[in-house]
C-alpha atoms as a PDB file:
ATOM      1  CA  MET A   1     -22.664  20.109  -4.402  1.00  0.00           C
ATOM      2  CA  SER A   2     -21.827  17.650  -1.652  1.00  0.00           C
ATOM      3  CA  ALA A   3     -18.903  18.440   0.621  1.00  0.00           C
ATOM      4  CA  LEU A   4     -17.733  14.847   0.278  1.00  0.00           C
ATOM      5  CA  VAL A   5     -17.175  13.192  -3.066  1.00  0.00           C
ATOM      6  CA  PRO A   6     -19.089   9.908  -3.016  1.00  0.00           C
ATOM      7  CA  ALA A   7     -17.231   6.690  -3.659  1.00  0.00           C
ATOM      8  CA  GLY A   8     -17.574   5.704  -7.277  1.00  0.00           C
ATOM      9  CA  SER A   9     -18.220   9.300  -8.288  1.00  0.00           C
ATOM     10  CA  THR A  10     -18.671   9.817 -11.999  1.00  0.00           C
ATOM     11  CA  GLU A  11     -16.728  13.071 -11.919  1.00  0.00           C
ATOM     12  CA  THR A  12     -13.683  13.130 -14.166  1.00  0.00           C
ATOM     13  CA  VAL A  13     -10.362  12.251 -12.554  1.00  0.00           C
ATOM     14  CA  PHE A  14      -8.163  13.452 -15.445  1.00  0.00           C
ATOM     15  CA  SER A  15      -8.865  14.425 -19.032  1.00  0.00           C
ATOM     16  CA  VAL A  16      -6.993  16.778 -21.307  1.00  0.00           C
ATOM     17  CA  ASP A  17      -9.203  16.056 -24.324  1.00  0.00           C
ATOM     18  CA  THR A  18     -10.987  19.408 -24.151  1.00  0.00           C
ATOM     19  CA  LEU A  19      -7.725  21.274 -23.659  1.00  0.00           C
ATOM     20  CA  LEU A  20      -6.197  19.505 -26.660  1.00  0.00           C
ATOM     21  CA  LYS A  21      -9.279  20.248 -28.749  1.00  0.00           C
ATOM     22  CA  TYR A  22      -9.173  23.973 -27.971  1.00  0.00           C
ATOM     23  CA  MET A  23      -5.473  24.090 -28.794  1.00  0.00           C
ATOM     24  CA  GLY A  24      -5.907  22.501 -32.219  1.00  0.00           C
ATOM     25  CA  ASN A  25      -5.488  18.805 -31.378  1.00  0.00           C
ATOM     26  CA  ASP A  26      -2.242  18.556 -33.342  1.00  0.00           C
ATOM     27  CA  ASP A  27       1.353  17.679 -32.477  1.00  0.00           C
ATOM     28  CA  ASN A  28       2.074  21.221 -31.296  1.00  0.00           C
ATOM     29  CA  ALA A  29      -0.982  21.170 -29.017  1.00  0.00           C
ATOM     30  CA  ARG A  30       0.057  17.772 -27.663  1.00  0.00           C
ATOM     31  CA  ALA A  31       3.559  19.095 -26.891  1.00  0.00           C
ATOM     32  CA  ILE A  32       2.164  22.133 -25.069  1.00  0.00           C
ATOM     33  CA  VAL A  33      -0.385  20.082 -23.127  1.00  0.00           C
ATOM     34  CA  SER A  34       2.329  17.579 -22.228  1.00  0.00           C
ATOM     35  CA  LYS A  35       4.368  20.380 -20.687  1.00  0.00           C
ATOM     36  CA  ILE A  36       1.295  21.629 -18.798  1.00  0.00           C
ATOM     37  CA  VAL A  37       0.664  18.114 -17.448  1.00  0.00           C
ATOM     38  CA  ARG A  38       4.304  17.608 -16.439  1.00  0.00           C
ATOM     39  CA  ASP A  39       4.490  21.019 -14.759  1.00  0.00           C
ATOM     40  CA  ALA A  40       1.197  20.551 -12.912  1.00  0.00           C
ATOM     41  CA  CYS A  41       2.235  17.134 -11.611  1.00  0.00           C
ATOM     42  CA  ALA A  42       5.903  17.920 -10.908  1.00  0.00           C
ATOM     43  CA  PRO A  43       5.380  18.761  -7.213  1.00  0.00           C
ATOM     44  CA  ALA A  44       3.989  15.230  -6.698  1.00  0.00           C
ATOM     45  CA  MET A  45       2.710  14.846  -3.117  1.00  0.00           C
ATOM     46  CA  THR A  46       4.603  17.870  -1.748  1.00  0.00           C
ATOM     47  CA  PRO A  47       1.525  20.144  -1.598  1.00  0.00           C
ATOM     48  CA  LEU A  48      -0.391  17.591   0.466  1.00  0.00           C
ATOM     49  CA  VAL A  49       2.539  17.098   2.829  1.00  0.00           C
ATOM     50  CA  GLN A  50       2.796  20.872   3.282  1.00  0.00           C
ATOM     51  CA  ALA A  51      -0.957  21.270   3.779  1.00  0.00           C
ATOM     52  CA  GLY A  52      -1.033  18.386   6.253  1.00  0.00           C
ATOM     53  CA  GLN A  53       1.717  20.036   8.264  1.00  0.00           C
ATOM     54  CA  ALA A  54      -0.126  23.363   8.185  1.00  0.00           C
ATOM     55  CA  ILE A  55      -3.269  21.653   9.493  1.00  0.00           C
ATOM     56  CA  LYS A  56      -1.320  19.974  12.308  1.00  0.00           C
ATOM     57  CA  GLU A  57       0.036  23.391  13.255  1.00  0.00           C
ATOM     58  CA  GLN A  58      -3.492  24.882  13.136  1.00  0.00           C
ATOM     59  CA  ARG A  59      -2.514  27.128  10.219  1.00  0.00           C
ATOM     60  CA  LEU A  60      -5.792  26.426   8.488  1.00  0.00           C
ATOM     61  CA  ALA A  61      -5.681  29.505   6.245  1.00  0.00           C
ATOM     62  CA  ASP A  62      -2.257  28.420   4.966  1.00  0.00           C
ATOM     63  CA  ALA A  63      -3.585  24.928   4.280  1.00  0.00           C
ATOM     64  CA  GLY A  64      -6.549  26.441   2.445  1.00  0.00           C
ATOM     65  CA  ARG A  65      -4.212  28.470   0.236  1.00  0.00           C
ATOM     66  CA  ILE A  66      -2.196  25.363  -0.591  1.00  0.00           C
ATOM     67  CA  PHE A  67      -5.327  23.479  -1.641  1.00  0.00           C
ATOM     68  CA  HIS A  68      -6.547  26.485  -3.621  1.00  0.00           C
ATOM     69  CA  SER A  69      -3.238  26.582  -5.521  1.00  0.00           C
ATOM     70  CA  LEU A  70      -3.310  22.827  -6.069  1.00  0.00           C
ATOM     71  CA  ARG A  71      -6.849  23.043  -7.399  1.00  0.00           C
ATOM     72  CA  GLY A  72      -5.821  25.800  -9.780  1.00  0.00           C
ATOM     73  CA  SER A  73      -2.763  23.976 -11.050  1.00  0.00           C
ATOM     74  CA  VAL A  74      -4.578  20.758 -11.960  1.00  0.00           C
ATOM     75  CA  GLY A  75      -8.009  22.180 -12.741  1.00  0.00           C
ATOM     76  CA  SER A  76      -7.120  22.590 -16.414  1.00  0.00           C
ATOM     77  CA  LEU A  77      -6.370  18.865 -16.535  1.00  0.00           C
ATOM     78  CA  GLY A  78     -10.052  18.007 -16.244  1.00  0.00           C
ATOM     79  CA  ALA A  79      -9.606  16.922 -12.621  1.00  0.00           C
ATOM     80  CA  LYS A  80     -13.213  17.584 -11.632  1.00  0.00           C
ATOM     81  CA  ARG A  81     -13.196  15.042  -8.805  1.00  0.00           C
ATOM     82  CA  LEU A  82     -10.174  16.731  -7.227  1.00  0.00           C
ATOM     83  CA  VAL A  83     -11.637  20.195  -7.760  1.00  0.00           C
ATOM     84  CA  THR A  84     -14.888  19.213  -6.030  1.00  0.00           C
ATOM     85  CA  ALA A  85     -13.077  17.534  -3.147  1.00  0.00           C
ATOM     86  CA  SER A  86     -10.672  20.439  -2.721  1.00  0.00           C
ATOM     87  CA  LEU A  87     -13.480  23.000  -2.686  1.00  0.00           C
ATOM     88  CA  GLY A  88     -15.183  21.053   0.096  1.00  0.00           C
ATOM     89  CA  LEU A  89     -11.975  20.893   2.103  1.00  0.00           C
ATOM     90  CA  GLU A  90     -11.169  24.559   1.528  1.00  0.00           C
ATOM     91  CA  LEU A  91     -14.626  25.480   2.839  1.00  0.00           C
ATOM     92  CA  ALA A  92     -14.226  23.243   5.900  1.00  0.00           C
ATOM     93  CA  LEU A  93     -10.846  24.840   6.610  1.00  0.00           C
ATOM     94  CA  ALA A  94     -12.239  28.369   6.230  1.00  0.00           C
ATOM     95  CA  GLU A  95     -15.176  27.537   8.511  1.00  0.00           C
ATOM     96  CA  ARG A  96     -12.894  25.700  10.958  1.00  0.00           C
ATOM     97  CA  ARG A  97     -15.071  22.564  10.858  1.00  0.00           C
ATOM     98  CA  MET A  98     -12.435  20.436  12.528  1.00  0.00           C
ATOM     99  CA  ALA A  99     -14.443  17.192  12.457  1.00  0.00           C
ATOM    100  CA  ASP A 100     -14.770  17.397   8.660  1.00  0.00           C
ATOM    101  CA  ILE A 101     -11.156  18.201   7.844  1.00  0.00           C
ATOM    102  CA  ALA A 102      -9.581  14.733   8.212  1.00  0.00           C
ATOM    103  CA  PRO A 103     -12.119  12.857   6.049  1.00  0.00           C
ATOM    104  CA  LEU A 104     -12.098  15.623   3.441  1.00  0.00           C
ATOM    105  CA  PHE A 105      -8.291  15.630   3.430  1.00  0.00           C
ATOM    106  CA  ALA A 106      -8.342  11.875   2.794  1.00  0.00           C
ATOM    107  CA  THR A 107     -10.762  12.394  -0.097  1.00  0.00           C
ATOM    108  CA  VAL A 108      -8.549  15.092  -1.624  1.00  0.00           C
ATOM    109  CA  GLU A 109      -5.465  12.923  -1.175  1.00  0.00           C
ATOM    110  CA  LEU A 110      -7.090   9.991  -2.967  1.00  0.00           C
ATOM    111  CA  ALA A 111      -8.359  12.221  -5.782  1.00  0.00           C
ATOM    112  CA  TYR A 112      -4.923  13.815  -6.203  1.00  0.00           C
ATOM    113  CA  ARG A 113      -3.170  10.436  -6.278  1.00  0.00           C
ATOM    114  CA  GLU A 114      -5.604   9.376  -9.008  1.00  0.00           C
ATOM    115  CA  VAL A 115      -4.817  12.539 -11.000  1.00  0.00           C
ATOM    116  CA  LEU A 116      -1.079  11.907 -10.712  1.00  0.00           C
ATOM    117  CA  GLU A 117      -1.498   8.275 -11.735  1.00  0.00           C
ATOM    118  CA  GLN A 118      -3.716   9.019 -14.721  1.00  0.00           C
ATOM    119  CA  ALA A 119      -1.513  11.928 -15.805  1.00  0.00           C
ATOM    120  CA  ALA A 120       1.546   9.655 -15.729  1.00  0.00           C
ATOM    121  CA  ASP A 121      -0.372   7.041 -17.728  1.00  0.00           C
ATOM    122  CA  TRP A 122      -1.402   9.669 -20.292  1.00  0.00           C
ATOM    123  CA  LEU A 123       2.173  10.894 -20.640  1.00  0.00           C
ATOM    124  CA  SER A 124       3.388   7.316 -21.056  1.00  0.00           C
ATOM    125  CA  ARG A 125       0.715   6.445 -23.640  1.00  0.00           C
ATOM    126  CA  ASN A 126       1.710   9.512 -25.608  1.00  0.00           C
ATOM    127  CA  GLY A 127       5.403   8.656 -25.536  1.00  0.00           C
ATOM    128  CA  ILE A 128       6.281  11.475 -23.194  1.00  0.00           C
ATOM    129  CA  GLU A 129       8.515  11.051 -20.191  1.00  0.00           C
ATOM    130  CA  ARG A 130       7.409  12.414 -16.858  1.00  0.00           C
ATOM    131  CA  ALA A 131       9.435  15.138 -15.250  1.00  0.00           C
ATOM    132  CA  PRO A 132      11.906  13.652 -12.744  1.00  0.00           C
ATOM    133  CA  ASP A 133      10.616  13.443  -9.168  1.00  0.00           C
END
């Protein structure tokens, strides 16, 4: 696995199809998955702001924990691109590869913005309001 996610990667940005399927793919499953999506996306960009601050303060382990939590919270949403990018960044933080951190952070930020955007679109298409920011 590459530490950087290549531009135009074919990895999934967001997909809850598998989750819906395993939960029965009915109205009840859709309601539960909608809550999962809203809850996972509710923090918006806060985790990245917090992680960025931790990096600036050289608290790399704290930043790594934030990305690990972020990865866990949206991993069930089929966010493979974000998961891959976050793993690369978490490794760079743990290994203190300072030159790699900024470009990997930018990759994670882009992937996370895409997840948030596609999650909001999915909620909208399914007639579900997003949680207030």
